Amino acid sequence: GTAYRVQGHVEAANNLSHPVQNLTRFVQLLGLFTLILAAMGAWAILTSFLESRTREVAILRCLGSTPGPPVLAYGLLAALLLALAMSGGLFLGTAAAAFLPSLLGDVVPAALRTGATPRPPVVETLLAIAALGLLLLPAFLRLATVRPLAMLREGPEPRIAHPWMTWAAPLGAGAVASALVIRNAPSLQAGIGTVLALIALLGGLFGLARLMIAVYRRLLDRLPLAPRLGLGQLGARPGLSSLLMSVMGLAVFLILASQFIKDDLIAPLAAQRGEGKRPNLFLVDVPPEDLGDIRARVERASGHGVMEGPMVRGRLLTIAGRPAVHAHPGERESHGPREQNLSWRPRLSESEEAVAGRFWPEDGQPRAEVSLDEGYASRLEAKLGDELVFDVQGQTIRATVTSLRKVRWATFQVNFFILLHPSLMEGVPAMHVMAAEVDEARTRATLQAEIAVHHPSVTVVDVAEVIARVERILDLIALVARALAALMLASALLVLAASLFLWLLGVAPQTGFMNLLWTILLHTLGRSIPDSESAS
């Protein structure tokens, strides 16, 4: 008889790669957010450091310095620290990318173990540095406006010469960060959506932090002395305090988001194991007259029911009156008719759901309807209401797209890009595809031998090893996501500790050298050194 394929090699690779691609993009997004979090952390640390240098700049101004040299000195110091940190990070990241695949062994595919080392994210790092430079610009401008008498004043930061820079610089940094996210997004629409979500998240965290500080100020007089003194710096630097709280909130949010991989993607697949819902054995080219005997043999070997579906090959001719254009990842667009795998069933399977339109009801009425996988429909540029024309074994079939489905291809269940209403395929000769979960390797081998003897035209494909490899890859991606989440939390805690340390570093010396500062100031104002010493 005629041999039928379940799907083309490109379609099969696309199906199996969908979950891995989505998880990889999620981990890439976590890595990108880690870079943004690191930039925010560096902003908080350097801002705290620059604000603590106000007295030193004031002293230099008392000694006759112009505003330029102190700002230049601290700018060079900040640039040196950033250069060292970024160089160290790029070196460690490149080394990890080069050695980790070989250390993980068979957990990752051979192509990753022997392939070229991924390029370091130089462009992303430069964009993050550019955004950080814009964020630090107001702090440097404040240092440039420090007056000599500022060494005697405690309180809010001095106003900068151009107040509009306080909001223009963050907007510019946000634009750079948005470009960074969109550049690494799989599509422009996904990139814009991620940017808007990130803006909403950071805006919500920053607003919540400012609200907490406002509530603290209202309750300040009612608090005991110890917490009043301990929380005093929250009100003294509300902007910096809100920034630190936002960084911590972002880290905690990303940690919770990383659980999405385990709870929503990996756990459901693991839960299906042993229930007969995650097949590892496929039978292709099953004639209708052999269905009963093969179904009985497979159910006896597996102890579970068998998933099955009819299938024919057909050519998609037109979409809404225009010639069909087929495009799959890794291929150029091809114009003109192309064979597709077509199937039909009265209801949705457990591994799919309608996400647009309405799947046909089981009312027994004939309907000229077709349902498409949402990703496949996007590649075909087909939408709800479009009429598709197929050539199936010389017969022209017309059907209107009435629903789009989201298919969970990682379940390995019998699914198709194109589902036609059963009334359209009545009387069409078809072969069947069957799938079952058979746990024991010996049982699978025995079943394959039986099928080969009694039904030699049927092809049996054992994908147990492929599924095991996919599971290991998914577990590895989940592990990487959790490691990134832990790194983000550690980074946020490091930012908080560094900010507190820099604040203490800026305050503690002031007590020890207060007499020296008074002496310098009085000498600047014209008093003699003996007079200054006697006054102190």
Protein backbone atom coordinates (compact mmCIF):
# COMPACT_ATOMS: atom_id res chain seq x y z
CA GLY A 1 0.00 0.00 0.00
CA THR A 2 0.87 3.65 -0.06
CA ALA A 3 3.29 4.70 2.71
CA TYR A 4 2.26 7.71 4.77
CA ARG A 5 4.38 9.91 6.93
CA VAL A 6 3.17 11.26 10.26
CA GLN A 7 4.74 14.58 9.28
CA GLY A 8 7.69 16.00 7.43
CA HIS A 9 11.06 16.20 9.09
CA VAL A 10 10.80 19.99 9.43
CA GLU A 11 7.37 19.76 11.02
CA ALA A 12 8.52 17.04 13.39
CA ALA A 13 11.57 19.01 14.45
CA ASN A 14 9.39 22.08 14.89
CA ASN A 15 6.94 20.19 17.12
CA LEU A 16 9.62 18.73 19.36
CA SER A 17 11.54 21.98 19.56
CA HIS A 18 8.56 24.17 20.53
CA PRO A 19 8.73 23.45 24.31
CA VAL A 20 12.52 23.61 24.39
CA GLN A 21 12.50 26.87 22.43
CA ASN A 22 9.94 28.40 24.77
CA LEU A 23 11.90 27.32 27.84
CA THR A 24 15.12 28.59 26.30
CA ARG A 25 13.52 31.97 25.60
CA PHE A 26 12.25 32.08 29.17
CA VAL A 27 15.73 31.39 30.54
CA GLN A 28 17.18 33.95 28.11
CA LEU A 29 14.65 36.44 29.43
CA LEU A 30 15.68 35.63 32.99
CA GLY A 31 19.30 36.19 32.03
CA LEU A 32 18.40 39.51 30.43
CA PHE A 33 16.48 40.56 33.52
CA THR A 34 19.50 39.55 35.59
CA LEU A 35 21.61 41.94 33.52
CA ILE A 36 19.02 44.71 34.01
CA LEU A 37 18.88 43.91 37.72
CA ALA A 38 22.67 44.12 37.89
CA ALA A 39 22.55 47.52 36.18
CA MET A 40 19.92 48.72 38.66
CA GLY A 41 22.02 47.37 41.50
CA ALA A 42 25.10 49.17 40.20
CA TRP A 43 22.98 52.32 39.89
CA ALA A 44 21.88 52.03 43.52
CA ILE A 45 25.41 51.32 44.78
CA LEU A 46 27.11 54.07 42.78
CA THR A 47 24.35 56.57 43.57
CA SER A 48 24.76 55.83 47.28
CA PHE A 49 28.52 56.15 46.90
CA LEU A 50 28.31 59.47 45.03
CA GLU A 51 25.83 60.92 47.52
CA SER A 52 28.15 60.00 50.38
CA ARG A 53 30.97 61.99 48.70
CA THR A 54 29.19 65.33 49.07
CA ARG A 55 31.31 66.39 52.05
CA GLU A 56 34.57 65.47 50.33
CA VAL A 57 33.60 67.53 47.30
CA ALA A 58 32.63 70.42 49.58
CA ILE A 59 36.03 70.23 51.28
CA LEU A 60 37.77 70.31 47.90
CA ARG A 61 35.65 73.31 46.97
CA CYS A 62 36.73 75.00 50.23
CA LEU A 63 40.34 74.40 49.21
CA GLY A 64 39.75 76.25 45.95
CA SER A 65 38.88 73.44 43.56
CA THR A 66 36.47 74.05 40.70
CA PRO A 67 33.46 71.67 40.28
CA GLY A 68 35.06 69.81 37.37
CA PRO A 69 38.00 67.93 38.94
CA PRO A 70 36.03 66.19 41.77
CA VAL A 71 33.31 65.10 39.37
CA LEU A 72 35.92 63.87 36.89
CA ALA A 73 37.78 61.96 39.61
CA TYR A 74 34.69 60.16 40.88
CA GLY A 75 33.53 59.55 37.32
CA LEU A 76 36.81 57.85 36.46
CA LEU A 77 36.59 55.83 39.67
CA ALA A 78 33.06 54.67 38.81
CA ALA A 79 34.11 53.85 35.25
CA LEU A 80 37.07 51.82 36.53
CA LEU A 81 34.84 49.84 38.90
CA LEU A 82 32.34 49.15 36.11
CA ALA A 83 35.07 48.11 33.69
CA LEU A 84 36.53 45.66 36.20
CA ALA A 85 33.12 44.22 37.07
CA MET A 86 32.00 43.86 33.44
CA SER A 87 35.31 42.36 32.34
CA GLY A 88 35.20 39.84 35.15
CA GLY A 89 31.61 38.93 34.35
CA LEU A 90 32.28 38.50 30.63
CA PHE A 91 35.34 36.36 31.35
CA LEU A 92 33.53 34.08 33.79
CA GLY A 93 30.47 33.82 31.52
CA THR A 94 32.56 32.96 28.47
CA ALA A 95 34.51 30.37 30.45
CA ALA A 96 31.30 28.80 31.76
CA ALA A 97 29.82 28.65 28.25
CA ALA A 98 32.98 26.93 27.00
CA PHE A 99 33.35 24.29 29.74
CA LEU A 100 29.87 23.58 31.11
CA PRO A 101 28.54 21.63 28.06
CA SER A 102 31.44 19.18 28.21
CA LEU A 103 31.05 18.79 31.99
CA LEU A 104 27.33 18.01 31.70
CA GLY A 105 28.02 15.04 29.43
CA ASP A 106 25.02 13.29 27.91
CA VAL A 107 22.55 15.64 29.59
CA VAL A 108 22.84 18.02 26.64
CA PRO A 109 22.87 17.13 22.94
CA ALA A 110 26.17 16.40 21.23
CA ALA A 111 25.75 19.48 19.05
CA LEU A 112 25.98 21.67 22.13
CA ARG A 113 28.95 19.79 23.58
CA THR A 114 31.01 19.98 20.40
CA GLY A 115 29.67 23.16 18.81
CA ALA A 116 31.24 26.57 18.79
CA THR A 117 31.34 28.55 22.03
CA PRO A 118 28.51 31.11 22.12
CA ARG A 119 29.60 34.67 21.60
CA PRO A 120 29.73 36.84 24.73
CA PRO A 121 26.89 39.36 25.02
CA VAL A 122 29.08 42.36 24.22
CA VAL A 123 26.34 44.45 22.64
CA GLU A 124 23.94 43.74 25.51
CA THR A 125 26.63 44.66 28.04
CA LEU A 126 27.45 47.92 26.24
CA LEU A 127 23.76 48.85 26.13
CA ALA A 128 23.45 48.12 29.85
CA ILE A 129 26.49 50.33 30.55
CA ALA A 130 24.97 53.11 28.42
CA ALA A 131 21.72 52.90 30.39
CA LEU A 132 23.66 52.93 33.65
CA GLY A 133 25.61 56.01 32.54
CA LEU A 134 22.37 57.87 31.85
CA LEU A 135 20.99 56.86 35.24
CA LEU A 136 24.11 58.14 37.03
CA LEU A 137 24.12 61.46 35.19
CA PRO A 138 21.87 63.29 37.74
CA ALA A 139 24.10 62.14 40.62
CA PHE A 140 27.19 63.54 38.90
CA LEU A 141 25.37 66.80 38.14
CA ARG A 142 24.48 67.09 41.82
CA LEU A 143 28.14 66.73 42.73
CA ALA A 144 28.95 69.51 40.28
CA THR A 145 26.55 71.87 42.11
CA VAL A 146 27.94 71.17 45.61
CA ARG A 147 28.93 74.40 47.38
CA PRO A 148 31.67 74.75 49.98
CA LEU A 149 29.21 75.28 52.84
CA ALA A 150 27.50 71.96 52.03
CA MET A 151 29.92 70.31 54.46
CA LEU A 152 27.93 71.88 57.30
CA ARG A 153 24.52 70.83 56.04
CA GLU A 154 22.66 67.55 56.50
CA GLY A 155 19.52 66.91 54.51
CA PRO A 156 18.31 66.37 50.99
CA GLU A 157 20.57 66.33 47.97
CA PRO A 158 21.39 69.67 46.32
CA ARG A 159 19.33 70.59 43.29
CA ILE A 160 21.04 70.21 39.95
CA ALA A 161 21.43 73.07 37.52
CA HIS A 162 19.05 71.49 35.01
CA PRO A 163 16.12 69.89 36.93
CA TRP A 164 14.72 68.36 33.76
CA MET A 165 17.69 66.00 33.74
CA THR A 166 16.24 64.19 36.77
CA TRP A 167 13.51 62.73 34.57
CA ALA A 168 15.14 62.95 31.12
CA ALA A 169 18.07 60.74 32.09
CA PRO A 170 15.89 57.88 33.46
CA LEU A 171 13.70 58.10 30.37
CA GLY A 172 16.77 57.77 28.15
CA ALA A 173 17.99 54.82 30.21
CA GLY A 174 14.56 53.24 29.92
CA ALA A 175 14.68 53.66 26.14
CA VAL A 176 18.07 51.93 26.01
CA ALA A 177 16.83 49.11 28.25
CA SER A 178 13.74 48.74 26.06
CA ALA A 179 15.93 48.45 22.98
CA LEU A 180 17.93 45.78 24.80
CA VAL A 181 14.80 43.74 25.58
CA ILE A 182 13.30 44.11 22.10
CA ARG A 183 16.61 43.15 20.47
CA ASN A 184 16.59 39.81 22.32
CA ALA A 185 12.88 39.09 21.93
CA PRO A 186 11.69 36.46 19.43
CA SER A 187 9.47 39.06 17.73
CA LEU A 188 8.75 42.78 17.87
CA GLN A 189 5.33 42.17 19.38
CA ALA A 190 6.76 39.94 22.11
CA GLY A 191 9.52 42.48 22.80
CA ILE A 192 7.07 45.39 23.16
CA GLY A 193 4.85 43.30 25.41
CA THR A 194 7.81 42.37 27.62
CA VAL A 195 8.90 46.02 27.85
CA LEU A 196 5.42 47.16 28.85
CA ALA A 197 5.18 44.39 31.45
CA LEU A 198 8.59 45.30 32.86
CA ILE A 199 7.64 48.99 33.03
CA ALA A 200 4.42 48.12 34.84
CA LEU A 201 6.30 45.84 37.25
CA LEU A 202 9.02 48.35 38.10
CA GLY A 203 6.52 51.20 38.29
CA GLY A 204 4.35 49.20 40.65
CA LEU A 205 7.30 48.24 42.85
CA PHE A 206 8.64 51.80 42.96
CA GLY A 207 5.19 53.22 43.69
CA LEU A 208 4.64 50.68 46.46
CA ALA A 209 8.01 51.57 47.96
CA ARG A 210 7.18 55.30 47.95
CA LEU A 211 3.81 54.53 49.53
CA MET A 212 5.50 52.55 52.29
CA ILE A 213 7.87 55.44 52.95
CA ALA A 214 4.96 57.89 53.06
CA VAL A 215 3.16 55.68 55.59
CA TYR A 216 6.35 55.44 57.63
CA ARG A 217 6.64 59.22 57.75
CA ARG A 218 3.07 59.55 58.99
CA LEU A 219 3.67 56.97 61.72
CA LEU A 220 7.11 58.30 62.64
CA ASP A 221 6.02 60.05 65.83
CA ARG A 222 4.20 56.95 67.07
CA LEU A 223 7.15 54.60 66.67
CA PRO A 224 9.51 53.75 69.55
CA LEU A 225 12.93 55.33 69.51
CA ALA A 226 14.85 52.25 68.30
CA PRO A 227 12.85 51.59 65.11
CA ARG A 228 12.61 55.34 64.52
CA LEU A 229 16.39 55.60 64.45
CA GLY A 230 16.80 52.35 62.54
CA LEU A 231 14.39 53.37 59.80
CA GLY A 232 15.50 56.98 59.74
CA GLN A 233 17.48 56.63 56.53
CA LEU A 234 14.35 55.57 54.62
CA GLY A 235 12.95 59.06 54.92
CA ALA A 236 16.31 60.79 54.55
CA ARG A 237 16.88 59.32 51.07
CA PRO A 238 13.42 58.36 49.76
CA GLY A 239 14.52 58.02 46.16
CA LEU A 240 17.45 55.74 46.91
CA SER A 241 15.43 53.75 49.45
CA SER A 242 12.66 53.22 46.89
CA LEU A 243 15.22 52.11 44.32
CA LEU A 244 16.71 49.53 46.69
CA MET A 245 13.27 48.23 47.59
CA SER A 246 12.39 47.97 43.89
CA VAL A 247 15.55 45.98 43.19
CA MET A 248 14.69 43.56 45.99
CA GLY A 249 11.11 43.30 44.78
CA LEU A 250 12.21 42.58 41.21
CA ALA A 251 14.54 39.82 42.41
CA VAL A 252 11.78 38.17 44.47
CA PHE A 253 9.34 38.44 41.55
CA LEU A 254 11.76 36.76 39.14
CA ILE A 255 12.39 33.99 41.66
CA LEU A 256 8.66 33.31 41.83
CA ALA A 257 8.43 33.52 38.02
CA SER A 258 11.16 30.92 37.65
CA GLN A 259 8.86 28.44 39.39
CA PHE A 260 6.67 28.71 36.28
CA ILE A 261 9.04 26.36 34.49
CA LYS A 262 8.69 23.66 37.12
CA ASP A 263 5.03 24.06 38.02
CA ASP A 264 3.48 24.76 34.61
CA LEU A 265 5.77 23.07 32.09
CA ILE A 266 7.80 20.26 33.61
CA ALA A 267 5.57 19.05 36.46
CA PRO A 268 2.54 18.35 34.21
CA LEU A 269 4.69 16.24 31.88
CA ALA A 270 6.13 14.28 34.79
CA ALA A 271 2.65 13.79 36.25
CA GLN A 272 1.48 12.08 33.05
CA ARG A 273 4.13 9.38 33.33
CA GLY A 274 2.64 5.96 34.01
CA GLU A 275 -0.94 7.04 33.25
CA GLY A 276 -0.89 6.11 29.59
CA LYS A 277 -1.09 9.75 28.51
CA ARG A 278 2.53 10.25 27.49
CA PRO A 279 3.18 7.83 24.63
CA ASN A 280 6.62 6.50 23.83
CA LEU A 281 5.63 4.04 21.10
CA PHE A 282 4.07 5.07 17.78
CA LEU A 283 2.50 2.86 15.12
CA VAL A 284 2.22 4.39 11.66
CA ASP A 285 0.43 3.24 8.49
CA VAL A 286 -2.17 1.18 10.37
CA PRO A 287 -4.88 0.01 7.91
CA PRO A 288 -8.48 0.33 9.13
CA GLU A 289 -8.99 -3.45 9.00
CA ASP A 290 -6.06 -4.03 11.39
CA LEU A 291 -7.12 -1.49 14.01
CA GLY A 292 -8.93 -3.96 16.27
CA ASP A 293 -6.16 -6.55 16.52
CA ILE A 294 -3.36 -4.01 16.93
CA ARG A 295 -5.36 -2.04 19.52
CA ALA A 296 -5.88 -5.19 21.58
CA ARG A 297 -2.18 -6.13 21.45
CA VAL A 298 -1.02 -2.66 22.42
CA GLU A 299 -3.52 -2.31 25.27
CA ARG A 300 -2.46 -5.71 26.61
CA ALA A 301 1.21 -4.68 26.58
CA SER A 302 0.76 -1.20 28.00
CA GLY A 303 -2.10 -1.70 30.43
CA HIS A 304 -3.59 1.59 29.23
CA GLY A 305 -5.76 2.84 26.41
CA VAL A 306 -4.42 3.66 22.97
CA MET A 307 -4.42 7.12 21.40
CA GLU A 308 -5.16 7.07 17.71
CA GLY A 309 -6.29 9.19 14.80
CA PRO A 310 -6.91 8.90 11.07
CA MET A 311 -4.60 10.65 8.66
CA VAL A 312 -4.44 11.43 4.97
CA ARG A 313 -2.07 13.47 2.88
CA GLY A 314 -3.50 16.48 1.08
CA ARG A 315 -2.34 19.60 -0.69
CA LEU A 316 -3.27 23.03 0.64
CA LEU A 317 -4.03 25.05 -2.48
CA THR A 318 -5.32 28.46 -1.39
CA ILE A 319 -5.92 30.51 1.76
CA ALA A 320 -8.75 33.04 1.47
CA GLY A 321 -8.37 32.97 -2.30
CA ARG A 322 -4.61 33.51 -2.40
CA PRO A 323 -2.00 30.83 -3.10
CA ALA A 324 -0.74 29.07 0.00
CA VAL A 325 2.67 30.15 1.31
CA HIS A 326 4.40 27.63 3.54
CA ALA A 327 7.17 28.63 5.90
CA HIS A 328 8.78 26.64 8.67
CA PRO A 329 11.67 27.59 10.95
CA GLY A 330 14.92 26.99 9.13
CA GLU A 331 13.33 26.99 5.67
CA ARG A 332 12.63 29.60 3.08
CA GLU A 333 9.04 30.36 2.19
CA SER A 334 7.72 28.05 -0.52
CA HIS A 335 4.87 29.08 -2.77
CA GLY A 336 2.35 26.75 -4.33
CA PRO A 337 0.67 23.51 -3.18
CA ARG A 338 2.44 21.41 -0.59
CA GLU A 339 1.41 18.17 1.01
CA GLN A 340 0.08 18.40 4.55
CA ASN A 341 -0.99 15.85 7.12
CA LEU A 342 -4.74 16.10 7.59
CA SER A 343 -6.82 14.50 10.31
CA TRP A 344 -10.29 14.79 11.80
CA ARG A 345 -12.04 14.08 15.08
CA PRO A 346 -15.30 15.10 16.73
CA ARG A 347 -13.75 16.62 19.86
CA LEU A 348 -10.51 18.11 21.16
CA SER A 349 -7.93 15.85 22.77
CA GLU A 350 -6.53 16.34 26.27
CA SER A 351 -3.37 17.94 24.91
CA GLU A 352 -5.03 20.80 23.04
CA GLU A 353 -7.47 23.62 23.64
CA ALA A 354 -9.27 26.18 21.51
CA VAL A 355 -7.79 29.65 22.05
CA ALA A 356 -9.68 31.52 19.34
CA GLY A 357 -13.02 30.89 17.71
CA ARG A 358 -15.18 27.87 18.60
CA PHE A 359 -14.43 24.21 18.01
CA TRP A 360 -17.34 22.40 16.33
CA PRO A 361 -19.96 20.74 18.56
CA GLU A 362 -20.78 17.03 18.50
CA ASP A 363 -24.22 17.44 16.97
CA GLY A 364 -23.84 15.13 13.99
CA GLN A 365 -24.46 17.95 11.53
CA PRO A 366 -22.22 18.33 8.44
CA ARG A 367 -19.95 21.32 8.68
CA ALA A 368 -17.37 22.71 6.24
CA GLU A 369 -14.99 23.73 9.04
CA VAL A 370 -11.31 23.41 9.78
CA SER A 371 -9.26 24.04 12.95
CA LEU A 372 -5.58 25.07 12.85
CA ASP A 373 -2.75 25.07 15.34
CA GLU A 374 -2.24 28.72 16.32
CA GLY A 375 1.48 28.75 15.51
CA TYR A 376 0.92 27.05 12.18
CA ALA A 377 -1.86 29.51 11.33
CA SER A 378 0.47 32.39 12.10
CA ARG A 379 3.10 31.04 9.70
CA LEU A 380 0.49 30.56 7.01
CA GLU A 381 -0.96 34.02 7.73
CA ALA A 382 -4.36 32.37 8.03
CA LYS A 383 -7.03 33.76 10.36
CA LEU A 384 -10.54 33.00 11.53
CA GLY A 385 -13.06 33.15 8.69
CA ASP A 386 -10.55 32.34 5.93
CA GLU A 387 -11.53 29.62 3.49
CA LEU A 388 -8.92 26.92 2.88
CA VAL A 389 -9.01 24.79 -0.25
CA PHE A 390 -7.41 21.32 -0.18
CA ASP A 391 -6.76 18.69 -2.80
CA VAL A 392 -7.19 15.31 -1.11
CA GLN A 393 -6.65 12.33 -3.42
CA GLY A 394 -8.02 14.31 -6.38
CA GLN A 395 -11.03 15.59 -4.44
CA THR A 396 -11.40 19.34 -3.75
CA ILE A 397 -12.35 20.12 -0.15
CA ARG A 398 -13.28 23.60 1.03
CA ALA A 399 -13.40 24.51 4.71
CA THR A 400 -13.61 27.70 6.74
CA VAL A 401 -11.26 28.32 9.67
CA THR A 402 -13.54 28.43 12.72
CA SER A 403 -11.05 27.87 15.54
CA LEU A 404 -7.38 28.06 16.46
CA ARG A 405 -5.89 25.57 18.87
CA LYS A 406 -3.00 25.64 21.31
CA VAL A 407 -1.36 22.22 21.15
CA ARG A 408 1.00 20.94 23.85
CA TRP A 409 3.39 19.14 21.55
CA ALA A 410 5.66 18.13 24.42
CA THR A 411 3.08 15.53 25.50
CA PHE A 412 3.96 13.51 22.36
CA GLN A 413 0.28 12.67 21.90
CA VAL A 414 -1.29 12.26 18.46
CA ASN A 415 -1.85 15.82 17.26
CA PHE A 416 -1.98 17.57 13.92
CA PHE A 417 -1.58 21.09 12.60
CA ILE A 418 -4.79 20.75 10.61
CA LEU A 419 -8.04 19.18 11.84
CA LEU A 420 -11.01 18.93 9.51
CA HIS A 421 -14.62 18.35 10.49
CA PRO A 422 -15.36 14.59 10.25
CA SER A 423 -18.22 15.18 7.79
CA LEU A 424 -15.76 16.49 5.20
CA MET A 425 -13.74 13.25 5.20
CA GLU A 426 -16.50 10.65 5.05
CA GLY A 427 -15.55 7.87 2.65
CA VAL A 428 -11.97 9.10 2.18
CA PRO A 429 -9.49 6.18 2.38
CA ALA A 430 -7.18 6.82 5.31
CA MET A 431 -4.45 5.19 7.33
CA HIS A 432 -4.29 5.52 11.10
CA VAL A 433 -1.65 6.61 13.59
CA MET A 434 -1.62 4.98 17.01
CA ALA A 435 0.36 5.88 20.13
CA ALA A 436 0.73 4.23 23.52
CA GLU A 437 2.83 4.39 26.66
CA VAL A 438 4.69 1.14 27.29
CA ASP A 439 7.03 1.48 30.26
CA GLU A 440 9.28 -1.59 30.05
CA ALA A 441 11.87 -1.67 27.28
CA ARG A 442 11.58 -5.47 27.04
CA THR A 443 7.80 -5.22 26.64
CA ARG A 444 8.22 -2.65 23.88
CA ALA A 445 10.68 -4.89 22.05
CA THR A 446 8.32 -7.89 22.33
CA LEU A 447 5.40 -5.84 21.04
CA GLN A 448 7.41 -4.56 18.10
CA ALA A 449 8.33 -8.13 17.19
CA GLU A 450 4.67 -9.20 17.34
CA ILE A 451 3.55 -6.32 15.13
CA ALA A 452 6.32 -7.08 12.62
CA VAL A 453 5.17 -10.70 12.36
CA HIS A 454 1.40 -10.22 12.21
CA HIS A 455 1.24 -6.78 10.53
CA PRO A 456 4.41 -6.27 8.48
CA SER A 457 3.09 -3.16 6.70
CA VAL A 458 2.83 -1.24 9.99
CA THR A 459 5.80 0.86 11.08
CA VAL A 460 6.58 0.93 14.82
CA VAL A 461 8.68 3.80 16.18
CA ASP A 462 10.11 3.68 19.71
CA VAL A 463 10.73 7.23 20.97
CA ALA A 464 11.38 6.39 24.64
CA GLU A 465 15.01 7.47 24.40
CA VAL A 466 14.03 10.71 22.67
CA ILE A 467 11.52 11.50 25.41
CA ALA A 468 14.10 10.74 28.11
CA ARG A 469 16.56 13.10 26.40
CA VAL A 470 13.93 15.85 26.17
CA GLU A 471 13.12 15.41 29.86
CA ARG A 472 16.78 15.74 30.79
CA ILE A 473 17.04 18.91 28.72
CA LEU A 474 13.91 20.36 30.37
CA ASP A 475 15.26 19.51 33.82
CA LEU A 476 18.55 21.17 32.93
CA ILE A 477 16.78 24.33 31.76
CA ALA A 478 14.75 24.38 34.97
CA LEU A 479 17.95 24.03 36.98
CA VAL A 480 19.51 26.95 35.09
CA ALA A 481 16.40 29.04 35.74
CA ARG A 482 16.55 28.33 39.47
CA ALA A 483 20.27 29.12 39.52
CA LEU A 484 19.58 32.45 37.78
CA ALA A 485 16.84 33.20 40.29
CA ALA A 486 19.19 32.49 43.19
CA LEU A 487 21.82 34.68 41.55
CA MET A 488 19.30 37.50 41.22
CA LEU A 489 18.39 37.31 44.91
CA ALA A 490 22.06 37.19 45.88
CA SER A 491 22.69 40.22 43.66
CA ALA A 492 19.85 42.15 45.29
CA LEU A 493 21.13 41.32 48.78
CA LEU A 494 24.63 42.33 47.70
CA VAL A 495 23.26 45.64 46.44
CA LEU A 496 21.55 46.26 49.77
CA ALA A 497 24.65 45.32 51.77
CA ALA A 498 26.93 47.44 49.57
CA SER A 499 24.61 50.44 49.85
CA LEU A 500 24.53 50.17 53.64
CA PHE A 501 28.30 49.75 53.74
CA LEU A 502 28.85 52.81 51.56
CA TRP A 503 26.47 54.84 53.72
CA LEU A 504 28.37 53.81 56.85
CA LEU A 505 31.64 54.54 55.10
CA GLY A 506 30.38 58.00 54.31
CA VAL A 507 29.08 58.70 57.83
CA ALA A 508 31.62 57.11 60.15
CA PRO A 509 34.68 59.09 59.09
CA GLN A 510 32.72 62.31 59.55
CA THR A 511 32.65 61.78 63.29
CA GLY A 512 36.35 61.00 63.56
CA PHE A 513 37.46 63.91 61.39
CA MET A 514 34.86 66.49 62.41
CA ASN A 515 37.41 68.64 64.22
CA LEU A 516 39.67 68.54 61.15
CA LEU A 517 36.80 69.61 58.91
CA TRP A 518 35.93 72.51 61.22
CA THR A 519 39.59 73.56 61.24
CA ILE A 520 39.78 73.52 57.44
CA LEU A 521 36.57 75.49 57.17
CA LEU A 522 37.61 78.13 59.71
CA HIS A 523 41.01 78.44 58.04
CA THR A 524 39.27 78.92 54.70
CA LEU A 525 37.17 81.69 56.25
CA GLY A 526 40.30 83.52 57.41
CA ARG A 527 40.91 82.23 60.92
CA SER A 528 44.42 81.20 61.90
CA ILE A 529 45.32 77.65 62.82
CA PRO A 530 45.95 78.46 66.56
CA ASP A 531 42.60 80.24 66.74
CA SER A 532 40.96 77.25 65.13
CA GLU A 533 42.57 74.86 67.59
CA SER A 534 41.58 76.97 70.58
CA ALA A 535 38.02 77.22 69.25
CA SER A 536 37.80 73.49 68.90
